[in-house]
Amino acid sequence: MNEQEIYERMTSAEQSLKSAHHRIDSIADNGKCITELLVEMKYIRRDLNEFIERVSALESKPANRYDMIISAVITAIIAAAISFLVK
Protein backbone atom coordinates (compact mmCIF):
# COMPACT_ATOMS: atom_id res chain seq x y z
CA MET A 1 0.00 0.00 0.00
CA ASN A 2 1.31 3.39 -0.88
CA GLU A 3 0.64 6.68 0.87
CA GLN A 4 -2.16 7.68 -1.52
CA GLU A 5 -4.14 4.49 -0.86
CA ILE A 6 -3.63 4.87 2.88
CA TYR A 7 -4.77 8.51 2.67
CA GLU A 8 -7.90 7.55 0.68
CA ARG A 9 -8.78 4.77 3.09
CA MET A 10 -8.30 7.06 6.09
CA THR A 11 -10.45 9.74 4.45
CA SER A 12 -13.13 7.18 3.73
CA ALA A 13 -12.95 5.90 7.32
CA GLU A 14 -13.25 9.46 8.67
CA GLN A 15 -16.31 10.14 6.51
CA SER A 16 -17.86 6.88 7.63
CA LEU A 17 -17.14 7.77 11.25
CA LYS A 18 -18.74 11.22 10.83
CA SER A 19 -21.77 9.61 9.26
CA ALA A 20 -22.01 7.16 12.16
CA HIS A 21 -21.79 10.02 14.67
CA HIS A 22 -24.62 11.84 12.88
CA ARG A 23 -26.78 8.72 13.03
CA ILE A 24 -26.00 8.26 16.73
CA ASP A 25 -26.92 11.89 17.41
CA SER A 26 -30.14 11.41 15.48
CA ILE A 27 -30.97 8.31 17.51
CA ALA A 28 -30.28 10.20 20.75
CA ASP A 29 -32.60 13.01 19.60
CA ASN A 30 -35.27 10.43 18.78
CA GLY A 31 -34.88 8.99 22.27
CA LYS A 32 -35.47 12.43 23.78
CA CYS A 33 -38.55 12.88 21.61
CA ILE A 34 -39.90 9.51 22.65
CA THR A 35 -39.38 10.38 26.31
CA GLU A 36 -41.26 13.65 25.83
CA LEU A 37 -44.09 11.82 24.07
CA LEU A 38 -44.35 9.32 26.91
CA VAL A 39 -44.62 12.13 29.45
CA GLU A 40 -47.32 13.81 27.37
CA MET A 41 -49.18 10.51 27.01
CA LYS A 42 -49.09 10.11 30.79
CA TYR A 43 -50.80 13.49 31.25
CA ILE A 44 -53.29 12.79 28.46
CA ARG A 45 -54.19 9.47 30.10
CA ARG A 46 -54.72 11.21 33.45
CA ASP A 47 -56.97 13.80 31.81
CA LEU A 48 -58.86 11.07 29.95
CA ASN A 49 -59.48 9.16 33.18
CA GLU A 50 -60.87 12.32 34.80
CA PHE A 51 -63.08 12.89 31.77
CA ILE A 52 -64.37 9.31 31.90
CA GLU A 53 -65.23 9.72 35.58
CA ARG A 54 -67.14 12.93 34.88
CA VAL A 55 -69.06 11.38 31.97
CA SER A 56 -69.92 8.35 34.08
CA ALA A 57 -71.28 10.62 36.81
CA LEU A 58 -73.41 12.49 34.28
CA GLU A 59 -74.70 9.26 32.75
CA SER A 60 -75.76 7.90 36.13
CA LYS A 61 -77.91 10.96 36.98
CA PRO A 62 -80.84 10.03 34.68
CA ALA A 63 -80.78 6.49 36.06
CA ASN A 64 -80.96 7.87 39.61
CA ARG A 65 -83.87 10.11 38.64
CA TYR A 66 -85.68 7.19 37.05
CA ASP A 67 -85.18 5.13 40.20
CA MET A 68 -86.54 8.00 42.32
CA ILE A 69 -89.62 8.34 40.08
CA ILE A 70 -90.34 4.61 40.24
CA SER A 71 -89.90 4.67 44.01
CA ALA A 72 -92.31 7.62 44.31
CA VAL A 73 -94.91 5.91 42.10
CA ILE A 74 -94.70 2.69 44.11
CA THR A 75 -94.98 4.65 47.37
CA ALA A 76 -98.02 6.51 46.04
CA ILE A 77 -99.70 3.26 44.95
CA ILE A 78 -99.05 1.64 48.32
CA ALA A 79 -100.30 4.75 50.17
CA ALA A 80 -103.47 4.79 48.00
CA ALA A 81 -104.06 1.08 48.62
CA ILE A 82 -103.62 1.48 52.37
CA SER A 83 -105.91 4.52 52.51
CA PHE A 84 -108.54 2.63 50.47
CA LEU A 85 -108.35 -0.34 52.86
CA VAL A 86 -108.55 1.86 55.94
CA LYS A 87 -111.76 3.60 54.77
PDB file of N, CA and C in Angstrom:
ATOM      1  N   MET A   1       0.831  -1.179   0.000  1.00  0.00           N
ATOM      2  CA  MET A   1       0.000   0.000   0.000  1.00  0.00           C
ATOM      3  C   MET A   1       0.878   1.247   0.000  1.00  0.00           C
ATOM      4  N   ASN A   2       0.550   2.146  -0.851  1.00  0.00           N
ATOM      5  CA  ASN A   2       1.315   3.389  -0.881  1.00  0.00           C
ATOM      6  C   ASN A   2       0.579   4.452  -0.061  1.00  0.00           C
ATOM      7  N   GLU A   3       1.191   5.613   0.036  1.00  0.00           N
ATOM      8  CA  GLU A   3       0.639   6.676   0.874  1.00  0.00           C
ATOM      9  C   GLU A   3      -0.706   7.174   0.352  1.00  0.00           C
ATOM     10  N   GLN A   4      -0.893   7.212  -0.927  1.00  0.00           N
ATOM     11  CA  GLN A   4      -2.158   7.680  -1.521  1.00  0.00           C
ATOM     12  C   GLN A   4      -3.303   6.757  -1.136  1.00  0.00           C
ATOM     13  N   GLU A   5      -3.091   5.449  -1.216  1.00  0.00           N
ATOM     14  CA  GLU A   5      -4.138   4.486  -0.858  1.00  0.00           C
ATOM     15  C   GLU A   5      -4.468   4.579   0.627  1.00  0.00           C
ATOM     16  N   ILE A   6      -3.420   4.731   1.442  1.00  0.00           N
ATOM     17  CA  ILE A   6      -3.635   4.873   2.883  1.00  0.00           C
ATOM     18  C   ILE A   6      -4.423   6.147   3.164  1.00  0.00           C
ATOM     19  N   TYR A   7      -4.068   7.245   2.500  1.00  0.00           N
ATOM     20  CA  TYR A   7      -4.772   8.513   2.674  1.00  0.00           C
ATOM     21  C   TYR A   7      -6.244   8.378   2.272  1.00  0.00           C
ATOM     22  N   GLU A   8      -6.520   7.731   1.149  1.00  0.00           N
ATOM     23  CA  GLU A   8      -7.899   7.548   0.675  1.00  0.00           C
ATOM     24  C   GLU A   8      -8.691   6.688   1.639  1.00  0.00           C
ATOM     25  N   ARG A   9      -8.074   5.639   2.139  1.00  0.00           N
ATOM     26  CA  ARG A   9      -8.780   4.769   3.086  1.00  0.00           C
ATOM     27  C   ARG A   9      -9.054   5.497   4.396  1.00  0.00           C
ATOM     28  N   MET A  10      -8.102   6.293   4.861  1.00  0.00           N
ATOM     29  CA  MET A  10      -8.304   7.058   6.092  1.00  0.00           C
ATOM     30  C   MET A  10      -9.395   8.108   5.897  1.00  0.00           C
ATOM     31  N   THR A  11      -9.411   8.749   4.757  1.00  0.00           N
ATOM     32  CA  THR A  11     -10.446   9.738   4.455  1.00  0.00           C
ATOM     33  C   THR A  11     -11.816   9.065   4.419  1.00  0.00           C
ATOM     34  N   SER A  12     -11.877   7.930   3.790  1.00  0.00           N
ATOM     35  CA  SER A  12     -13.134   7.182   3.731  1.00  0.00           C
ATOM     36  C   SER A  12     -13.579   6.756   5.132  1.00  0.00           C
ATOM     37  N   ALA A  13     -12.625   6.311   5.954  1.00  0.00           N
ATOM     38  CA  ALA A  13     -12.952   5.898   7.323  1.00  0.00           C
ATOM     39  C   ALA A  13     -13.436   7.096   8.136  1.00  0.00           C
ATOM     40  N   GLU A  14     -12.823   8.255   7.954  1.00  0.00           N
ATOM     41  CA  GLU A  14     -13.247   9.456   8.665  1.00  0.00           C
ATOM     42  C   GLU A  14     -14.663   9.857   8.269  1.00  0.00           C
ATOM     43  N   GLN A  15     -14.968   9.796   6.986  1.00  0.00           N
ATOM     44  CA  GLN A  15     -16.313  10.139   6.512  1.00  0.00           C
ATOM     45  C   GLN A  15     -17.333   9.154   7.062  1.00  0.00           C
ATOM     46  N   SER A  16     -16.960   7.889   7.081  1.00  0.00           N
ATOM     47  CA  SER A  16     -17.856   6.878   7.628  1.00  0.00           C
ATOM     48  C   SER A  16     -18.084   7.113   9.121  1.00  0.00           C
ATOM     49  N   LEU A  17     -17.039   7.478   9.824  1.00  0.00           N
ATOM     50  CA  LEU A  17     -17.140   7.765  11.251  1.00  0.00           C
ATOM     51  C   LEU A  17     -18.028   8.975  11.502  1.00  0.00           C
ATOM     52  N   LYS A  18     -17.887  10.030  10.695  1.00  0.00           N
ATOM     53  CA  LYS A  18     -18.737  11.219  10.830  1.00  0.00           C
ATOM     54  C   LYS A  18     -20.197  10.855  10.589  1.00  0.00           C
ATOM     55  N   SER A  19     -20.412  10.041   9.566  1.00  0.00           N
ATOM     56  CA  SER A  19     -21.771   9.613   9.260  1.00  0.00           C
ATOM     57  C   SER A  19     -22.359   8.812  10.426  1.00  0.00           C
ATOM     58  N   ALA A  20     -21.550   7.951  11.018  1.00  0.00           N
ATOM     59  CA  ALA A  20     -22.010   7.157  12.158  1.00  0.00           C
ATOM     60  C   ALA A  20     -22.338   8.058  13.347  1.00  0.00           C
ATOM     61  N   HIS A  21     -21.525   9.079  13.573  1.00  0.00           N
ATOM     62  CA  HIS A  21     -21.794  10.016  14.669  1.00  0.00           C
ATOM     63  C   HIS A  21     -23.099  10.775  14.429  1.00  0.00           C
ATOM     64  N   HIS A  22     -23.363  11.160  13.198  1.00  0.00           N
ATOM     65  CA  HIS A  22     -24.620  11.845  12.885  1.00  0.00           C
ATOM     66  C   HIS A  22     -25.814  10.930  13.157  1.00  0.00           C
ATOM     67  N   ARG A  23     -25.690   9.669  12.773  1.00  0.00           N
ATOM     68  CA  ARG A  23     -26.777   8.722  13.030  1.00  0.00           C
ATOM     69  C   ARG A  23     -26.980   8.508  14.518  1.00  0.00           C
ATOM     70  N   ILE A  24     -25.897   8.423  15.278  1.00  0.00           N
ATOM     71  CA  ILE A  24     -26.002   8.260  16.733  1.00  0.00           C
ATOM     72  C   ILE A  24     -26.674   9.484  17.356  1.00  0.00           C
ATOM     73  N   ASP A  25     -26.283  10.672  16.906  1.00  0.00           N
ATOM     74  CA  ASP A  25     -26.918  11.893  17.407  1.00  0.00           C
ATOM     75  C   ASP A  25     -28.404  11.907  17.077  1.00  0.00           C
ATOM     76  N   SER A  26     -28.736  11.468  15.883  1.00  0.00           N
ATOM     77  CA  SER A  26     -30.139  11.408  15.477  1.00  0.00           C
ATOM     78  C   SER A  26     -30.914  10.431  16.350  1.00  0.00           C
ATOM     79  N   ILE A  27     -30.320   9.305  16.650  1.00  0.00           N
ATOM     80  CA  ILE A  27     -30.973   8.313  17.511  1.00  0.00           C
ATOM     81  C   ILE A  27     -31.160   8.873  18.915  1.00  0.00           C
ATOM     82  N   ALA A  28     -30.159   9.586  19.416  1.00  0.00           N
ATOM     83  CA  ALA A  28     -30.275  10.204  20.746  1.00  0.00           C
ATOM     84  C   ALA A  28     -31.402  11.230  20.761  1.00  0.00           C
ATOM     85  N   ASP A  29     -31.512  12.031  19.694  1.00  0.00           N
ATOM     86  CA  ASP A  29     -32.597  13.006  19.604  1.00  0.00           C
ATOM     87  C   ASP A  29     -33.948  12.302  19.559  1.00  0.00           C
ATOM     88  N   ASN A  30     -34.024  11.200  18.832  1.00  0.00           N
ATOM     89  CA  ASN A  30     -35.272  10.433  18.777  1.00  0.00           C
ATOM     90  C   ASN A  30     -35.630   9.901  20.156  1.00  0.00           C
ATOM     91  N   GLY A  31     -34.627   9.477  20.914  1.00  0.00           N
ATOM     92  CA  GLY A  31     -34.882   8.990  22.269  1.00  0.00           C
ATOM     93  C   GLY A  31     -35.465  10.082  23.154  1.00  0.00           C
ATOM     94  N   LYS A  32     -34.941  11.306  23.011  1.00  0.00           N
ATOM     95  CA  LYS A  32     -35.474  12.427  23.779  1.00  0.00           C
ATOM     96  C   LYS A  32     -36.915  12.704  23.385  1.00  0.00           C
ATOM     97  N   CYS A  33     -37.180  12.650  22.091  1.00  0.00           N
ATOM     98  CA  CYS A  33     -38.547  12.885  21.606  1.00  0.00           C
ATOM     99  C   CYS A  33     -39.506  11.822  22.136  1.00  0.00           C
ATOM    100  N   ILE A  34     -39.054  10.597  22.146  1.00  0.00           N
ATOM    101  CA  ILE A  34     -39.898   9.512  22.647  1.00  0.00           C
ATOM    102  C   ILE A  34     -40.182   9.716  24.129  1.00  0.00           C
ATOM    103  N   THR A  35     -39.181  10.122  24.880  1.00  0.00           N
ATOM    104  CA  THR A  35     -39.378  10.384  26.305  1.00  0.00           C
ATOM    105  C   THR A  35     -40.401  11.495  26.512  1.00  0.00           C
ATOM    106  N   GLU A  36     -40.295  12.556  25.735  1.00  0.00           N
ATOM    107  CA  GLU A  36     -41.259  13.651  25.832  1.00  0.00           C
ATOM    108  C   GLU A  36     -42.666  13.181  25.475  1.00  0.00           C
ATOM    109  N   LEU A  37     -42.775  12.359  24.448  1.00  0.00           N
ATOM    110  CA  LEU A  37     -44.086  11.818  24.067  1.00  0.00           C
ATOM    111  C   LEU A  37     -44.679  10.963  25.166  1.00  0.00           C
ATOM    112  N   LEU A  38     -43.859  10.161  25.821  1.00  0.00           N
ATOM    113  CA  LEU A  38     -44.351   9.317  26.908  1.00  0.00           C
ATOM    114  C   LEU A  38     -44.869  10.155  28.069  1.00  0.00           C
ATOM    115  N   VAL A  39     -44.166  11.241  28.375  1.00  0.00           N
ATOM    116  CA  VAL A  39     -44.625  12.131  29.447  1.00  0.00           C
ATOM    117  C   VAL A  39     -45.962  12.752  29.062  1.00  0.00           C
ATOM    118  N   GLU A  40     -46.065  13.221  27.827  1.00  0.00           N
ATOM    119  CA  GLU A  40     -47.322  13.810  27.371  1.00  0.00           C
ATOM    120  C   GLU A  40     -48.451  12.788  27.400  1.00  0.00           C
ATOM    121  N   MET A  41     -48.159  11.560  26.993  1.00  0.00           N
ATOM    122  CA  MET A  41     -49.184  10.511  27.012  1.00  0.00           C
ATOM    123  C   MET A  41     -49.654  10.235  28.444  1.00  0.00           C
ATOM    124  N   LYS A  42     -48.740  10.319  29.384  1.00  0.00           N
ATOM    125  CA  LYS A  42     -49.094  10.110  30.792  1.00  0.00           C
ATOM    126  C   LYS A  42     -50.117  11.155  31.229  1.00  0.00           C
ATOM    127  N   TYR A  43     -49.870  12.425  30.879  1.00  0.00           N
ATOM    128  CA  TYR A  43     -50.801  13.486  31.248  1.00  0.00           C
ATOM    129  C   TYR A  43     -52.125  13.366  30.495  1.00  0.00           C
ATOM    130  N   ILE A  44     -52.054  12.982  29.242  1.00  0.00           N
ATOM    131  CA  ILE A  44     -53.288  12.790  28.464  1.00  0.00           C
ATOM    132  C   ILE A  44     -54.118  11.673  29.062  1.00  0.00           C
ATOM    133  N   ARG A  45     -53.471  10.594  29.484  1.00  0.00           N
ATOM    134  CA  ARG A  45     -54.188   9.470  30.101  1.00  0.00           C
ATOM    135  C   ARG A  45     -54.859   9.900  31.399  1.00  0.00           C
ATOM    136  N   ARG A  46     -54.139  10.714  32.194  1.00  0.00           N
ATOM    137  CA  ARG A  46     -54.725  11.209  33.447  1.00  0.00           C
ATOM    138  C   ARG A  46     -55.957  12.057  33.158  1.00  0.00           C
ATOM    139  N   ASP A  47     -55.842  12.953  32.176  1.00  0.00           N
ATOM    140  CA  ASP A  47     -56.973  13.796  31.811  1.00  0.00           C
ATOM    141  C   ASP A  47     -58.132  12.965  31.274  1.00  0.00           C
ATOM    142  N   LEU A  48     -57.821  11.946  30.493  1.00  0.00           N
ATOM    143  CA  LEU A  48     -58.858  11.074  29.950  1.00  0.00           C
ATOM    144  C   LEU A  48     -59.585  10.330  31.065  1.00  0.00           C
ATOM    145  N   ASN A  49     -58.846   9.855  32.056  1.00  0.00           N
ATOM    146  CA  ASN A  49     -59.485   9.163  33.178  1.00  0.00           C
ATOM    147  C   ASN A  49     -60.421  10.094  33.936  1.00  0.00           C
ATOM    148  N   GLU A  50     -59.998  11.345  34.145  1.00  0.00           N
ATOM    149  CA  GLU A  50     -60.870  12.323  34.799  1.00  0.00           C
ATOM    150  C   GLU A  50     -62.124  12.572  33.962  1.00  0.00           C
ATOM    151  N   PHE A  51     -61.949  12.676  32.660  1.00  0.00           N
ATOM    152  CA  PHE A  51     -63.081  12.892  31.765  1.00  0.00           C
ATOM    153  C   PHE A  51     -64.057  11.714  31.821  1.00  0.00           C
ATOM    154  N   ILE A  52     -63.522  10.503  31.834  1.00  0.00           N
ATOM    155  CA  ILE A  52     -64.368   9.310  31.899  1.00  0.00           C
ATOM    156  C   ILE A  52     -65.171   9.297  33.193  1.00  0.00           C
ATOM    157  N   GLU A  53     -64.521   9.673  34.301  1.00  0.00           N
ATOM    158  CA  GLU A  53     -65.232   9.723  35.584  1.00  0.00           C
ATOM    159  C   GLU A  53     -66.372  10.740  35.542  1.00  0.00           C
ATOM    160  N   ARG A  54     -66.112  11.900  34.948  1.00  0.00           N
ATOM    161  CA  ARG A  54     -67.143  12.929  34.878  1.00  0.00           C
ATOM    162  C   ARG A  54     -68.304  12.490  33.992  1.00  0.00           C
ATOM    163  N   VAL A  55     -68.012  11.862  32.876  1.00  0.00           N
ATOM    164  CA  VAL A  55     -69.065  11.378  31.973  1.00  0.00           C
ATOM    165  C   VAL A  55     -69.885  10.289  32.660  1.00  0.00           C
ATOM    166  N   SER A  56     -69.211   9.409  33.366  1.00  0.00           N
ATOM    167  CA  SER A  56     -69.925   8.348  34.076  1.00  0.00           C
ATOM    168  C   SER A  56     -70.874   8.935  35.119  1.00  0.00           C
ATOM    169  N   ALA A  57     -70.422   9.971  35.815  1.00  0.00           N
ATOM    170  CA  ALA A  57     -71.278  10.622  36.808  1.00  0.00           C
ATOM    171  C   ALA A  57     -72.492  11.246  36.136  1.00  0.00           C
ATOM    172  N   LEU A  58     -72.284  11.885  34.995  1.00  0.00           N
ATOM    173  CA  LEU A  58     -73.412  12.491  34.277  1.00  0.00           C
ATOM    174  C   LEU A  58     -74.373  11.438  33.739  1.00  0.00           C
ATOM    175  N   GLU A  59     -73.836  10.324  33.280  1.00  0.00           N
ATOM    176  CA  GLU A  59     -74.697   9.265  32.754  1.00  0.00           C
ATOM    177  C   GLU A  59     -75.531   8.615  33.845  1.00  0.00           C
ATOM    178  N   SER A  60     -75.026   8.570  35.058  1.00  0.00           N
ATOM    179  CA  SER A  60     -75.759   7.902  36.131  1.00  0.00           C
ATOM    180  C   SER A  60     -76.891   8.767  36.682  1.00  0.00           C
ATOM    181  N   LYS A  61     -76.867  10.073  36.464  1.00  0.00           N
ATOM    182  CA  LYS A  61     -77.913  10.956  36.983  1.00  0.00           C
ATOM    183  C   LYS A  61     -79.300  10.599  36.456  1.00  0.00           C
ATOM    184  N   PRO A  62     -79.501  10.407  35.150  1.00  0.00           N
ATOM    185  CA  PRO A  62     -80.839  10.031  34.681  1.00  0.00           C
ATOM    186  C   PRO A  62     -81.302   8.701  35.279  1.00  0.00           C
ATOM    187  N   ALA A  63     -80.408   7.773  35.467  1.00  0.00           N
ATOM    188  CA  ALA A  63     -80.784   6.490  36.063  1.00  0.00           C
ATOM    189  C   ALA A  63     -81.229   6.708  37.506  1.00  0.00           C
ATOM    190  N   ASN A  64     -80.556   7.575  38.229  1.00  0.00           N
ATOM    191  CA  ASN A  64     -80.956   7.873  39.606  1.00  0.00           C
ATOM    192  C   ASN A  64     -82.326   8.545  39.641  1.00  0.00           C
ATOM    193  N   ARG A  65     -82.564   9.444  38.709  1.00  0.00           N
ATOM    194  CA  ARG A  65     -83.868  10.110  38.644  1.00  0.00           C
ATOM    195  C   ARG A  65     -84.970   9.100  38.326  1.00  0.00           C
ATOM    196  N   TYR A  66     -84.711   8.217  37.407  1.00  0.00           N
ATOM    197  CA  TYR A  66     -85.683   7.191  37.046  1.00  0.00           C
ATOM    198  C   TYR A  66     -85.999   6.318  38.264  1.00  0.00           C
ATOM    199  N   ASP A  67     -84.964   5.938  38.998  1.00  0.00           N
ATOM    200  CA  ASP A  67     -85.182   5.132  40.203  1.00  0.00           C
ATOM    201  C   ASP A  67     -86.021   5.900  41.227  1.00  0.00           C
ATOM    202  N   MET A  68     -85.772   7.202  41.368  1.00  0.00           N
ATOM    203  CA  MET A  68     -86.543   7.998  42.322  1.00  0.00           C
ATOM    204  C   MET A  68     -88.005   8.103  41.881  1.00  0.00           C
ATOM    205  N   ILE A  69     -88.241   8.250  40.586  1.00  0.00           N
ATOM    206  CA  ILE A  69     -89.618   8.338  40.078  1.00  0.00           C
ATOM    207  C   ILE A  69     -90.351   7.029  40.320  1.00  0.00           C
ATOM    208  N   ILE A  70     -89.717   5.919  40.018  1.00  0.00           N
ATOM    209  CA  ILE A  70     -90.339   4.608  40.235  1.00  0.00           C
ATOM    210  C   ILE A  70     -90.634   4.408  41.720  1.00  0.00           C
ATOM    211  N   SER A  71     -89.703   4.807  42.566  1.00  0.00           N
ATOM    212  CA  SER A  71     -89.902   4.671  44.012  1.00  0.00           C
ATOM    213  C   SER A  71     -91.086   5.530  44.469  1.00  0.00           C
ATOM    214  N   ALA A  72     -91.194   6.747  43.942  1.00  0.00           N
ATOM    215  CA  ALA A  72     -92.308   7.624  44.310  1.00  0.00           C
ATOM    216  C   ALA A  72     -93.634   7.055  43.836  1.00  0.00           C
ATOM    217  N   VAL A  73     -93.669   6.503  42.627  1.00  0.00           N
ATOM    218  CA  VAL A  73     -94.907   5.910  42.100  1.00  0.00           C
ATOM    219  C   VAL A  73     -95.317   4.713  42.946  1.00  0.00           C
ATOM    220  N   ILE A  74     -94.387   3.865  43.290  1.00  0.00           N
ATOM    221  CA  ILE A  74     -94.701   2.688  44.113  1.00  0.00           C
ATOM    222  C   ILE A  74     -95.191   3.137  45.486  1.00  0.00           C
ATOM    223  N   THR A  75     -94.550   4.135  46.061  1.00  0.00           N
ATOM    224  CA  THR A  75     -94.977   4.647  47.366  1.00  0.00           C
ATOM    225  C   THR A  75     -96.389   5.216  47.274  1.00  0.00           C
ATOM    226  N   ALA A  76     -96.683   5.938  46.210  1.00  0.00           N
ATOM    227  CA  ALA A  76     -98.020   6.510  46.038  1.00  0.00           C
ATOM    228  C   ALA A  76     -99.066   5.411  45.890  1.00  0.00           C
ATOM    229  N   ILE A  77     -98.763   4.370  45.138  1.00  0.00           N
ATOM    230  CA  ILE A  77     -99.704   3.258  44.947  1.00  0.00           C
ATOM    231  C   ILE A  77     -99.958   2.554  46.274  1.00  0.00           C
ATOM    232  N   ILE A  78     -98.894   2.311  47.019  1.00  0.00           N
ATOM    233  CA  ILE A  78     -99.051   1.638  48.317  1.00  0.00           C
ATOM    234  C   ILE A  78     -99.843   2.527  49.277  1.00  0.00           C
ATOM    235  N   ALA A  79     -99.563   3.831  49.298  1.00  0.00           N
ATOM    236  CA  ALA A  79    -100.302   4.748  50.172  1.00  0.00           C
ATOM    237  C   ALA A  79    -101.772   4.785  49.777  1.00  0.00           C
ATOM    238  N   ALA A  80    -102.073   4.783  48.464  1.00  0.00           N
ATOM    239  CA  ALA A  80    -103.465   4.789  48.003  1.00  0.00           C
ATOM    240  C   ALA A  80    -104.156   3.497  48.390  1.00  0.00           C
ATOM    241  N   ALA A  81    -103.467   2.368  48.262  1.00  0.00           N
ATOM    242  CA  ALA A  81    -104.057   1.082  48.618  1.00  0.00           C
ATOM    243  C   ALA A  81    -104.329   1.022  50.121  1.00  0.00           C
ATOM    244  N   ILE A  82    -103.421   1.502  50.913  1.00  0.00           N
ATOM    245  CA  ILE A  82    -103.616   1.477  52.370  1.00  0.00           C
ATOM    246  C   ILE A  82    -104.762   2.413  52.758  1.00  0.00           C
ATOM    247  N   SER A  83    -104.819   3.592  52.169  1.00  0.00           N
ATOM    248  CA  SER A  83    -105.915   4.524  52.508  1.00  0.00           C
ATOM    249  C   SER A  83    -107.256   3.973  52.033  1.00  0.00           C
ATOM    250  N   PHE A  84    -107.295   3.246  50.935  1.00  0.00           N
ATOM    251  CA  PHE A  84    -108.541   2.626  50.466  1.00  0.00           C
ATOM    252  C   PHE A  84    -108.980   1.535  51.427  1.00  0.00           C
ATOM    253  N   LEU A  85    -108.017   0.739  51.914  1.00  0.00           N
ATOM    254  CA  LEU A  85    -108.351  -0.336  52.856  1.00  0.00           C
ATOM    255  C   LEU A  85    -108.767   0.198  54.214  1.00  0.00           C
ATOM    256  N   VAL A  86    -108.223   1.297  54.628  1.00  0.00           N
ATOM    257  CA  VAL A  86    -108.547   1.856  55.940  1.00  0.00           C
ATOM    258  C   VAL A  86    -109.944   2.462  55.928  1.00  0.00           C
ATOM    259  N   LYS A  87    -110.420   2.991  54.849  1.00  0.00           N
ATOM    260  CA  LYS A  87    -111.758   3.596  54.773  1.00  0.00           C
ATOM    261  C   LYS A  87    -112.764   2.545  54.903  1.00  0.00           C
TER     262      LYS A  87
END
